[in-house]
Structures are given as structure tokens and as C-alpha cells.
Amino acid sequence: MAVNSDLARLYGSEADAIYIAPLGTAMPVGLEELGPAFEDIGWLSEDGIVETPSASKEKIRGHQGAGVVRTYMSESGTEIAFTAYEDKELTNRLRYNVLSSETVDGVRTEERNAGQRVTAVACVIDLFDRSFSEIRGRFLIPRFEIGPDGERSFTNADIAGFPFLGEIVGNYSYVSTDSEA
């Protein structure tokens, strides 16, 4: 079998994006255009989009020599982490428990509860290889539970980003272009 450099992905295209919509929004079937309910998170940190399997592996050991008799996954899941850079209503709604929001003459005022919360949304993540102009991979996540993940620093050395961690709940689809064909 020959090697194929088209299968080695280099993400970080200007077109990479994370879109969210209200929970229950109809998901696209494949790589088709998204419906109007999906809103772009905006600019993302150069750290990118990080997919992490989350699982609890349990080992059952026998009495004789404490050897492993069985191994099983007691929990299994997938988390996606990213930092959003744009300070807009969407990122504030996801980061903070916004009770009400009003914009008058270009000034947004939010009433917030001091507590944090997890928000369940529908999510689409589009990934483009930097060498190609079309989508190379798309996560279609009907239920994505997202919440703040870490500190937001207000300094003069970096953008005051919004770090998030989301858990994929239930089944999801991953669609990719087939470069092996």
C-alpha cells in the first residue's frame, strides 16, 4: 500500500469553525450548508479544537498474585475543548449564567448570576485542511453539553479568551471527505 499525504491533516484553516444551535435543532445530513439556527462561535485560540476520549478503565484483580482477571470501561465518552476569542452575546451566554441581556445604542448590559452552568446545545464542528478549500471533517453532535473550563485572564499580554469544555452526550456523526478513493 502506497502512502498518501492527502490523508495527513493539517488543521487550522481560517474556515475552521464551531457552530451551536438550540438543543433539538435539525442536524445537517452531511457536508451541506447549515441552517440559520446555527451560530458561529467566532475566532478560536491558536491552541485549536482538542478532542479527548474520557473514560474510566477498571481492572478487576484476582486474589492469586493480584493478576488482572478482567478490564472494562465503567464510563466512556468524548470531550471537546476550545477557547473562543470573541466577546459577544453567544460566548457570554455560554460562559456566564446570563439572566437577561439588553443592547441599547451599541452598549450590551447583562444581568448575571455568580454561579456557572452547563448548557445543552446542538453543535457542528467544521475542520478544513490548510491545503484544501473544502471541509475535510465535520462533527455532527445533536447533544453537546458545554460549560466554562478555566480562568479568563484580563491582561495586556493575551486576548481575554473564553475557555470551554463540552461533553458529547449520546451518539454523534463524523463526516469526512474520502481521500482514499
Protein backbone atom coordinates (compact mmCIF):
# COMPACT_ATOMS: atom_id res chain seq x y z
CA MET A 1 0.00 0.00 0.00
CA ALA A 2 1.39 3.41 -1.01
CA VAL A 3 1.49 6.35 1.34
CA ASN A 4 -0.94 9.23 0.72
CA SER A 5 -0.03 12.68 2.05
CA ASP A 6 -3.62 13.86 1.44
CA LEU A 7 -4.59 11.72 4.44
CA ALA A 8 -2.21 13.62 6.75
CA ARG A 9 -4.30 16.52 8.02
CA LEU A 10 -3.02 19.96 8.97
CA TYR A 11 -5.92 21.82 10.55
CA GLY A 12 -6.07 25.48 11.44
CA SER A 13 -7.62 26.91 8.30
CA GLU A 14 -9.33 30.30 8.54
CA ALA A 15 -12.53 28.42 7.78
CA ASP A 16 -12.41 26.00 10.78
CA ALA A 17 -15.48 26.74 12.87
CA ILE A 18 -17.67 25.68 15.76
CA TYR A 19 -21.40 26.33 15.36
CA ILE A 20 -24.07 25.90 18.00
CA ALA A 21 -27.85 25.93 17.84
CA PRO A 22 -30.66 25.35 20.32
CA LEU A 23 -30.97 21.76 21.51
CA GLY A 24 -33.31 19.84 19.18
CA THR A 25 -32.33 21.77 16.04
CA ALA A 26 -32.34 19.50 12.97
CA MET A 27 -28.80 18.42 12.14
CA PRO A 28 -27.47 18.52 8.58
CA VAL A 29 -27.08 15.12 6.95
CA GLY A 30 -23.54 15.52 5.67
CA LEU A 31 -21.46 18.44 4.43
CA GLU A 32 -24.45 20.52 3.31
CA GLU A 33 -24.86 24.17 4.29
CA LEU A 34 -26.03 24.77 7.86
CA GLY A 35 -29.47 26.12 8.68
CA PRO A 36 -29.97 29.63 10.08
CA ALA A 37 -30.29 28.37 13.68
CA PHE A 38 -26.55 27.56 13.81
CA GLU A 39 -24.42 30.42 15.14
CA ASP A 40 -20.64 30.60 14.71
CA ILE A 41 -18.62 30.79 17.96
CA GLY A 42 -16.15 33.01 16.08
CA TRP A 43 -12.37 33.21 16.31
CA LEU A 44 -10.74 30.35 18.22
CA SER A 45 -7.44 30.26 20.09
CA GLU A 46 -4.37 29.06 18.22
CA ASP A 47 -4.48 26.04 20.57
CA GLY A 48 -7.21 24.74 18.26
CA ILE A 49 -10.00 22.28 18.95
CA VAL A 50 -8.98 19.42 21.23
CA GLU A 51 -10.86 16.11 21.17
CA THR A 52 -10.20 13.92 24.20
CA PRO A 53 -11.62 10.49 24.97
CA SER A 54 -12.87 10.42 28.55
CA ALA A 55 -13.15 7.02 30.12
CA SER A 56 -12.79 5.22 33.40
CA LYS A 57 -11.00 1.93 32.91
CA GLU A 58 -11.50 -0.54 35.72
CA LYS A 59 -9.26 -3.54 36.40
CA ILE A 60 -10.52 -6.47 38.40
CA ARG A 61 -7.68 -8.33 40.03
CA GLY A 62 -7.73 -11.87 41.29
CA HIS A 63 -6.66 -12.91 44.76
CA GLN A 64 -3.88 -15.13 43.45
CA GLY A 65 -0.92 -12.82 42.76
CA ALA A 66 -3.16 -9.78 42.19
CA GLY A 67 -3.18 -10.56 38.46
CA VAL A 68 -5.67 -8.76 36.23
CA VAL A 69 -8.65 -11.03 35.58
CA ARG A 70 -10.75 -8.55 33.57
CA THR A 71 -10.64 -4.98 32.37
CA TYR A 72 -13.72 -2.95 31.45
CA MET A 73 -14.82 0.60 30.82
CA SER A 74 -17.17 1.77 33.53
CA GLU A 75 -17.66 5.15 31.79
CA SER A 76 -16.87 6.17 28.26
CA GLY A 77 -17.25 9.46 26.45
CA THR A 78 -15.71 12.18 24.34
CA GLU A 79 -14.91 15.76 25.35
CA ILE A 80 -14.05 18.69 23.12
CA ALA A 81 -12.14 21.70 24.46
CA PHE A 82 -11.51 25.07 22.83
CA THR A 83 -11.04 28.72 23.69
CA ALA A 84 -13.28 31.26 21.98
CA TYR A 85 -11.80 34.71 21.45
CA GLU A 86 -14.81 36.84 20.56
CA ASP A 87 -16.54 38.73 23.38
CA LYS A 88 -20.11 38.57 22.12
CA GLU A 89 -23.53 37.63 23.42
CA LEU A 90 -23.13 33.96 22.42
CA THR A 91 -19.83 33.41 24.26
CA ASN A 92 -21.08 35.32 27.30
CA ARG A 93 -24.25 33.20 27.39
CA LEU A 94 -22.15 30.03 27.36
CA ARG A 95 -19.57 31.25 29.91
CA TYR A 96 -21.83 33.01 32.38
CA ASN A 97 -25.28 32.38 33.77
CA VAL A 98 -26.84 35.35 31.95
CA LEU A 99 -30.29 36.09 33.36
CA SER A 100 -31.08 38.91 30.93
CA SER A 101 -29.33 40.85 28.18
CA GLU A 102 -30.16 44.14 26.52
CA THR A 103 -28.29 46.15 23.91
CA VAL A 104 -29.06 49.87 23.58
CA ASP A 105 -27.05 52.20 21.34
CA GLY A 106 -24.25 49.63 20.98
CA VAL A 107 -23.93 49.00 24.72
CA ARG A 108 -24.80 45.49 25.98
CA THR A 109 -25.89 45.15 29.60
CA GLU A 110 -26.12 41.66 31.10
CA GLU A 111 -27.62 40.64 34.42
CA ARG A 112 -25.63 37.61 35.58
CA ASN A 113 -25.87 35.06 38.35
CA ALA A 114 -22.49 34.44 40.02
CA GLY A 115 -22.78 30.66 39.51
CA GLN A 116 -21.64 28.72 36.47
CA ARG A 117 -23.75 26.31 34.48
CA VAL A 118 -23.69 23.72 31.72
CA THR A 119 -25.69 24.46 28.57
CA ALA A 120 -27.01 21.71 26.29
CA VAL A 121 -26.92 22.67 22.60
CA ALA A 122 -26.70 21.13 19.14
CA CYS A 123 -23.20 21.52 17.69
CA VAL A 124 -21.43 21.28 14.34
CA ILE A 125 -17.65 21.49 14.09
CA ASP A 126 -16.14 22.04 10.65
CA LEU A 127 -12.48 21.23 10.04
CA PHE A 128 -10.60 22.25 6.91
CA ASP A 129 -7.15 21.05 5.96
CA ARG A 130 -4.99 24.13 5.34
CA SER A 131 -4.09 22.74 1.90
CA PHE A 132 -7.68 22.36 0.68
CA SER A 133 -10.63 24.72 0.33
CA GLU A 134 -13.36 22.23 1.22
CA ILE A 135 -14.39 20.73 4.54
CA ARG A 136 -12.27 17.69 5.40
CA GLY A 137 -14.13 16.67 8.56
CA ARG A 138 -17.37 17.57 10.29
CA PHE A 139 -18.65 16.60 13.73
CA LEU A 140 -22.47 16.49 13.87
CA ILE A 141 -23.37 16.49 17.57
CA PRO A 142 -27.12 16.53 18.40
CA ARG A 143 -26.42 16.99 22.15
CA PHE A 144 -23.30 18.85 23.29
CA GLU A 145 -23.19 19.86 26.95
CA ILE A 146 -20.84 22.83 27.19
CA GLY A 147 -19.58 24.84 30.12
CA PRO A 148 -16.78 27.18 31.15
CA ASP A 149 -13.43 25.50 31.70
CA GLY A 150 -10.80 27.52 33.47
CA GLU A 151 -9.90 31.08 34.18
CA ARG A 152 -10.47 34.09 31.97
CA SER A 153 -7.49 36.42 32.38
CA PHE A 154 -7.76 40.14 31.68
CA THR A 155 -4.15 41.06 30.88
CA ASN A 156 -2.29 43.13 28.33
CA ALA A 157 -0.32 40.10 27.10
CA ASP A 158 -3.09 37.96 25.60
CA ILE A 159 -6.69 38.04 24.44
CA ALA A 160 -9.16 37.50 27.29
CA GLY A 161 -10.50 34.27 25.80
CA PHE A 162 -13.41 32.12 26.88
CA PRO A 163 -12.15 28.57 27.63
CA PHE A 164 -14.84 25.91 27.17
CA LEU A 165 -15.15 22.16 27.64
CA GLY A 166 -18.00 20.24 26.09
CA GLU A 167 -19.11 16.64 26.50
CA ILE A 168 -20.72 14.76 23.63
CA VAL A 169 -23.81 13.08 25.06
CA GLY A 170 -25.23 10.15 23.13
CA ASN A 171 -24.41 9.27 19.56
CA TYR A 172 -22.96 11.68 17.03
CA SER A 173 -21.77 11.51 13.44
CA TYR A 174 -18.43 12.32 11.91
CA VAL A 175 -18.37 13.02 8.18
CA SER A 176 -15.13 13.32 6.22
CA THR A 177 -14.04 13.55 2.63
CA ASP A 178 -12.65 10.31 1.29
CA SER A 179 -9.12 10.92 0.03
CA GLU A 180 -8.52 7.21 -0.40
CA ALA A 181 -10.95 6.90 -3.32
